Amino acid sequence: MIYDFTVLGAGLVGLGTARELKKRFPKSSILVIEKEAEICQHQSGRNSGVIHSGIYYKPGSYKARFCSQGRDSMTEFCIENKIKIDRCGKLIVTSFPEELPRLDALKERGLANGIEVFELDARQSKEIEPNVECIKSLWIKSTAICDFKEVAKAHFAHLNDTGVRVQLSAELLNIQENSQNRTYFLHTKAGKFQTKMLVNCGGLHSDRVAKLCGLQPRVRIVPFRGEYYHLRHGLENLIKGMIYPVPNPDFPFLGVHLTRGIAGDIHAGPNAVLAFKREGYTWGDISIRDLSEILLFPAFWKFS
């Protein structure tokens, strides 16, 4: 069989892409191949569960538009599929006077992105989060949390119902082009598949997939992971929603924040650290190949 579309990767991006393709081209044959034995095993199943508002991004940019539209569609999707969602909101706080201009700029950016932003003084902030101490804050009601694994499962069920094949344990080994009919042979650990079009949703290995397709991407995956502390049992009521600092523009991260999980747990972080393996989730996960590629990549040293 020759598939019309083959989507590589059964994370949220891959499953969502396959679903959208089936929606736009209902008569097409679609295959999703995934190297793991289950869906959603890496980035998609290891995130904080936050549905962000889009306040941080430059107004009018693709990021801002995508985040805003995604926030609304994800909320709607969770409600339609009876996936637990908590629209607990987020408080962005200032602890020092020198942070106030950055808070004002962030407020203007949020308003320009069409987000409801409420500026609160110290007393008003305590009404939202009684245990917080700050000078001033921004209250973003549209920020929410959900379980993205449940979102992935809902996509997976829908794909099965609409005839999309999801092949697990099918790590991609090689891609061979058939110039006679402009198709591609995908050699995997689960066998060989033929497709007219390949959509690369390979996440942490997307650059390697591009190379298998004969491309030479200028960018490369350099893996960082977030390390978090978890508040001990009994402190779950310390915060009601999420508390973030004003981002420091000198660093490419949002800063250490308190995040409530959909199960009620609270974690504090992250500390972003270099991973020694693309799928390295602990300090003991090391890949000589992955680490060598990182250290030999000039852009990594420029970034560092």
Protein backbone atom coordinates (compact mmCIF):
# COMPACT_ATOMS: atom_id res chain seq x y z
CA MET A 1 0.00 0.00 0.00
CA ILE A 2 1.17 3.51 -0.81
CA TYR A 3 0.06 6.04 1.82
CA ASP A 4 -0.82 9.58 0.81
CA PHE A 5 0.71 11.00 3.99
CA THR A 6 3.04 9.57 6.60
CA VAL A 7 3.56 11.54 9.79
CA LEU A 8 6.71 10.77 11.70
CA GLY A 9 6.23 10.98 15.47
CA ALA A 10 3.25 10.23 17.73
CA GLY A 11 3.65 13.12 20.13
CA LEU A 12 1.15 15.95 20.33
CA VAL A 13 2.44 17.63 17.18
CA GLY A 14 2.44 14.43 15.13
CA LEU A 15 -0.97 13.24 16.31
CA GLY A 16 -2.49 16.70 15.88
CA THR A 17 -0.98 17.01 12.40
CA ALA A 18 -2.37 13.62 11.34
CA ARG A 19 -5.80 14.60 12.64
CA GLU A 20 -5.76 17.89 10.73
CA LEU A 21 -4.63 16.16 7.54
CA LYS A 22 -7.54 13.72 7.82
CA LYS A 23 -9.90 16.64 8.37
CA ARG A 24 -8.67 18.48 5.28
CA PHE A 25 -8.26 15.40 3.09
CA PRO A 26 -10.86 12.91 4.38
CA LYS A 27 -10.36 10.43 1.54
CA SER A 28 -6.58 10.25 1.98
CA SER A 29 -4.70 7.32 3.50
CA ILE A 30 -2.58 8.39 6.46
CA LEU A 31 0.07 6.56 8.49
CA VAL A 32 1.72 7.70 11.72
CA ILE A 33 4.94 5.96 12.70
CA GLU A 34 6.42 6.15 16.19
CA LYS A 35 9.65 4.66 17.46
CA GLU A 36 8.37 4.06 21.00
CA ALA A 37 5.95 1.33 22.07
CA GLU A 38 3.47 3.97 23.28
CA ILE A 39 2.43 7.45 22.18
CA CYS A 40 3.47 10.69 23.89
CA GLN A 41 6.61 9.36 25.59
CA HIS A 42 8.94 12.34 25.38
CA GLN A 43 8.38 16.11 25.23
CA SER A 44 4.61 15.81 24.95
CA GLY A 45 4.31 13.73 28.10
CA ARG A 46 6.95 15.53 30.17
CA ASN A 47 5.84 19.15 30.16
CA SER A 48 4.29 21.29 32.89
CA GLY A 49 0.78 21.04 31.49
CA VAL A 50 0.43 24.83 31.22
CA ILE A 51 -1.78 26.34 28.52
CA HIS A 52 -0.05 29.70 28.14
CA SER A 53 -1.84 32.96 27.39
CA GLY A 54 0.70 34.33 24.90
CA ILE A 55 1.63 37.44 26.89
CA TYR A 56 5.38 37.11 26.36
CA TYR A 57 5.53 37.22 22.58
CA LYS A 58 6.00 40.14 20.21
CA PRO A 59 2.59 41.45 19.10
CA GLY A 60 1.69 40.35 15.61
CA SER A 61 4.37 37.66 15.51
CA TYR A 62 3.66 34.06 14.53
CA LYS A 63 4.43 32.98 18.10
CA ALA A 64 1.91 35.41 19.56
CA ARG A 65 -0.83 34.46 17.11
CA PHE A 66 -0.15 30.75 17.39
CA CYS A 67 -0.12 30.81 21.19
CA SER A 68 -3.33 32.82 21.39
CA GLN A 69 -5.19 30.64 18.90
CA GLY A 70 -3.78 27.49 20.50
CA ARG A 71 -4.89 28.60 23.96
CA ASP A 72 -8.47 28.97 22.77
CA SER A 73 -8.58 25.82 20.67
CA MET A 74 -6.90 23.71 23.37
CA THR A 75 -9.40 24.90 25.98
CA GLU A 76 -12.26 24.10 23.61
CA PHE A 77 -10.75 20.70 22.81
CA CYS A 78 -10.46 19.76 26.48
CA ILE A 79 -14.06 20.75 27.16
CA GLU A 80 -15.36 18.85 24.12
CA ASN A 81 -13.42 15.71 25.02
CA LYS A 82 -14.15 15.90 28.76
CA ILE A 83 -10.46 16.32 29.61
CA LYS A 84 -9.91 17.94 32.98
CA ILE A 85 -8.82 21.55 32.65
CA ASP A 86 -8.22 24.10 35.40
CA ARG A 87 -8.34 27.76 34.36
CA CYS A 88 -6.54 28.79 37.54
CA GLY A 89 -4.80 31.85 36.08
CA LYS A 90 -1.30 33.20 36.53
CA LEU A 91 0.15 35.98 38.66
CA ILE A 92 3.31 37.67 37.31
CA VAL A 93 4.93 39.47 40.24
CA THR A 94 7.57 42.13 40.84
CA SER A 95 9.76 41.76 43.91
CA PHE A 96 12.09 44.74 43.35
CA PRO A 97 11.46 48.34 42.17
CA GLU A 98 13.82 47.97 39.21
CA GLU A 99 11.49 45.29 37.79
CA LEU A 100 8.50 47.66 37.51
CA PRO A 101 9.37 49.03 34.02
CA ARG A 102 9.59 45.45 32.73
CA LEU A 103 6.20 44.69 34.25
CA ASP A 104 4.69 47.74 32.53
CA ALA A 105 6.20 46.69 29.20
CA LEU A 106 4.83 43.18 29.66
CA LYS A 107 1.38 44.58 30.36
CA GLU A 108 1.45 46.62 27.13
CA ARG A 109 2.59 43.58 25.20
CA GLY A 110 -0.23 41.47 26.62
CA LEU A 111 -2.86 44.08 25.80
CA ALA A 112 -1.46 44.39 22.26
CA ASN A 113 -1.87 40.62 21.92
CA GLY A 114 -5.54 40.87 22.88
CA ILE A 115 -5.08 39.29 26.32
CA GLU A 116 -7.05 40.30 29.39
CA VAL A 117 -4.40 41.73 31.74
CA PHE A 118 -5.23 43.11 35.19
CA GLU A 119 -2.66 45.23 37.03
CA LEU A 120 -2.79 44.67 40.80
CA ASP A 121 -1.10 46.34 43.74
CA ALA A 122 0.31 44.41 46.71
CA ARG A 123 -3.04 44.19 48.53
CA GLN A 124 -4.96 43.11 45.44
CA SER A 125 -2.28 40.53 44.66
CA LYS A 126 -2.83 38.98 48.08
CA GLU A 127 -6.52 38.61 47.30
CA ILE A 128 -5.53 36.33 44.44
CA GLU A 129 -2.61 34.61 46.18
CA PRO A 130 -2.72 35.18 49.98
CA ASN A 131 0.86 33.94 50.53
CA VAL A 132 2.56 36.10 47.91
CA GLU A 133 4.69 39.12 48.77
CA CYS A 134 5.21 41.59 45.92
CA ILE A 135 5.18 45.25 44.95
CA LYS A 136 2.84 44.89 42.01
CA SER A 137 1.62 42.08 39.74
CA LEU A 138 -0.22 41.24 36.55
CA TRP A 139 -3.15 38.83 36.78
CA ILE A 140 -3.66 36.70 33.64
CA LYS A 141 -6.95 34.85 33.98
CA SER A 142 -6.73 32.96 30.67
CA THR A 143 -3.72 30.83 31.68
CA ALA A 144 -4.80 27.25 32.41
CA ILE A 145 -3.46 23.75 33.08
CA CYS A 146 -4.43 20.36 31.71
CA ASP A 147 -3.02 16.87 31.22
CA PHE A 148 -1.45 16.77 27.76
CA LYS A 149 -1.17 12.99 27.90
CA GLU A 150 -4.96 12.88 28.00
CA VAL A 151 -5.03 15.27 25.04
CA ALA A 152 -2.76 12.90 23.12
CA LYS A 153 -4.97 9.92 24.01
CA ALA A 154 -8.01 11.77 22.67
CA HIS A 155 -6.20 12.45 19.38
CA PHE A 156 -5.13 8.80 19.21
CA ALA A 157 -8.69 7.56 19.73
CA HIS A 158 -9.98 9.91 17.03
CA LEU A 159 -7.34 8.73 14.56
CA ASN A 160 -8.32 5.11 15.15
CA ASP A 161 -11.99 5.98 14.61
CA THR A 162 -11.26 7.71 11.30
CA GLY A 163 -9.06 4.99 9.82
CA VAL A 164 -5.64 6.55 10.39
CA ARG A 165 -3.04 3.88 11.11
CA VAL A 166 -0.65 4.50 14.00
CA GLN A 167 2.31 2.13 13.88
CA LEU A 168 4.21 1.94 17.15
CA SER A 169 7.71 0.49 17.75
CA ALA A 170 8.65 1.67 14.26
CA GLU A 171 11.94 3.53 14.63
CA LEU A 172 12.94 5.10 11.32
CA LEU A 173 16.19 3.67 9.98
CA ASN A 174 16.46 4.95 6.43
CA ILE A 175 14.55 6.79 3.71
CA GLN A 176 14.82 5.76 0.08
CA GLU A 177 13.34 7.86 -2.73
CA ASN A 178 11.55 6.13 -5.61
CA SER A 179 12.13 8.51 -8.52
CA GLN A 180 9.80 6.58 -10.85
CA ASN A 181 6.60 7.52 -9.05
CA ARG A 182 7.92 10.17 -6.64
CA THR A 183 7.26 8.16 -3.53
CA TYR A 184 9.44 7.28 -0.56
CA PHE A 185 10.28 3.98 1.07
CA LEU A 186 10.54 4.29 4.83
CA HIS A 187 12.64 1.54 6.37
CA THR A 188 11.70 1.07 10.02
CA LYS A 189 12.14 -1.54 12.74
CA ALA A 190 8.49 -2.51 12.12
CA GLY A 191 8.98 -3.04 8.38
CA LYS A 192 8.98 -1.01 5.18
CA PHE A 193 6.32 1.55 4.28
CA GLN A 194 5.75 3.52 1.10
CA THR A 195 4.37 7.05 1.08
CA LYS A 196 3.81 9.98 -1.25
CA MET A 197 4.57 12.58 1.40
CA LEU A 198 6.43 12.54 4.70
CA VAL A 199 5.68 15.07 7.46
CA ASN A 200 8.53 15.40 9.93
CA CYS A 201 7.20 15.71 13.50
CA GLY A 202 10.21 13.93 14.98
CA GLY A 203 10.73 16.34 17.89
CA LEU A 204 14.14 15.76 19.46
CA HIS A 205 15.29 13.90 16.33
CA SER A 206 13.73 16.15 13.68
CA ASP A 207 17.10 17.41 12.44
CA ARG A 208 18.32 13.84 11.93
CA VAL A 209 15.15 12.98 10.04
CA ALA A 210 15.80 15.96 7.78
CA LYS A 211 19.26 14.57 7.04
CA LEU A 212 17.75 11.19 6.17
CA CYS A 213 15.63 13.08 3.64
CA GLY A 214 18.79 14.40 1.99
CA LEU A 215 18.67 17.88 3.53
CA GLN A 216 21.45 19.66 5.39
CA PRO A 217 19.71 21.77 8.04
CA ARG A 218 21.70 24.67 9.46
CA VAL A 219 20.05 24.23 12.84
CA ARG A 220 20.57 21.36 15.26
CA ILE A 221 18.78 20.03 18.31
CA VAL A 222 20.69 20.89 21.50
CA PRO A 223 18.81 19.30 24.41
CA PHE A 224 18.14 21.16 27.64
CA ARG A 225 15.92 19.84 30.37
CA GLY A 226 14.19 21.53 33.28
CA GLU A 227 14.92 20.48 36.85
CA TYR A 228 12.16 21.10 39.40
CA TYR A 229 11.59 20.88 43.10
CA HIS A 230 8.24 19.55 44.31
CA LEU A 231 6.52 21.02 47.33
CA ARG A 232 6.13 18.33 49.95
CA HIS A 233 2.78 16.73 50.72
CA GLY A 234 0.52 18.97 52.78
CA LEU A 235 1.60 22.24 51.14
CA GLU A 236 -0.64 21.95 48.08
CA ASN A 237 -2.80 24.86 49.29
CA LEU A 238 0.17 27.22 49.55
CA ILE A 239 -0.76 28.69 46.17
CA LYS A 240 -4.05 28.72 44.28
CA GLY A 241 -2.79 28.93 40.73
CA MET A 242 0.57 29.84 39.23
CA ILE A 243 3.10 32.48 40.27
CA TYR A 244 5.77 33.72 37.83
CA PRO A 245 8.45 36.41 38.13
CA VAL A 246 8.88 39.15 35.56
CA PRO A 247 11.20 37.63 32.93
CA ASN A 248 14.78 38.87 32.90
CA PRO A 249 15.68 39.77 29.27
CA ASP A 250 19.31 38.81 29.95
CA PHE A 251 18.27 35.14 30.04
CA PRO A 252 16.30 33.07 27.49
CA PHE A 253 13.96 31.57 30.11
CA LEU A 254 10.89 32.71 32.04
CA GLY A 255 12.55 32.46 35.44
CA VAL A 256 11.87 30.19 38.40
CA HIS A 257 8.14 29.91 38.99
CA LEU A 258 5.54 27.98 40.98
CA THR A 259 3.26 25.83 38.85
CA ARG A 260 0.22 23.86 39.92
CA GLY A 261 -0.25 20.52 38.16
CA ILE A 262 -3.65 19.22 37.12
CA ALA A 263 -3.45 16.63 39.93
CA GLY A 264 -2.98 19.40 42.52
CA ASP A 265 0.78 18.98 43.00
CA ILE A 266 3.02 22.06 42.94
CA HIS A 267 6.52 22.27 41.53
CA ALA A 268 9.05 25.07 41.69
CA GLY A 269 11.52 25.68 38.89
CA PRO A 270 12.90 25.15 36.40
CA ASN A 271 16.64 25.18 36.51
CA ALA A 272 17.48 24.68 32.82
CA VAL A 273 20.46 22.34 32.42
CA LEU A 274 22.21 20.86 29.44
CA ALA A 275 21.21 17.25 28.83
CA PHE A 276 23.93 14.79 27.84
CA LYS A 277 21.47 12.84 25.72
CA ARG A 278 18.62 13.97 23.47
CA GLU A 279 16.19 11.95 25.54
CA GLY A 280 18.14 12.38 28.76
CA TYR A 281 15.90 13.02 31.74
CA THR A 282 18.44 12.42 34.51
CA TRP A 283 22.14 13.17 35.01
CA GLY A 284 22.87 9.49 34.42
CA ASP A 285 21.45 9.56 30.87
CA ILE A 286 24.46 9.97 28.60
CA SER A 287 24.91 9.40 24.86
CA ILE A 288 28.43 9.74 23.43
CA ARG A 289 26.98 10.45 19.99
CA ASP A 290 24.58 13.15 21.22
CA LEU A 291 27.16 14.79 23.48
CA SER A 292 29.79 14.82 20.72
CA GLU A 293 27.38 16.52 18.32
CA ILE A 294 26.63 19.19 20.93
CA LEU A 295 30.27 19.93 21.72
CA LEU A 296 31.24 20.07 18.04
CA PHE A 297 28.40 22.44 17.13
CA PRO A 298 29.78 26.04 16.94
CA ALA A 299 26.39 27.60 17.68
CA PHE A 300 26.30 25.83 21.05
CA TRP A 301 29.47 27.60 22.15
CA LYS A 302 28.17 30.92 20.87
CA PHE A 303 24.96 30.40 22.84
CA SER A 304 26.91 29.38 25.94
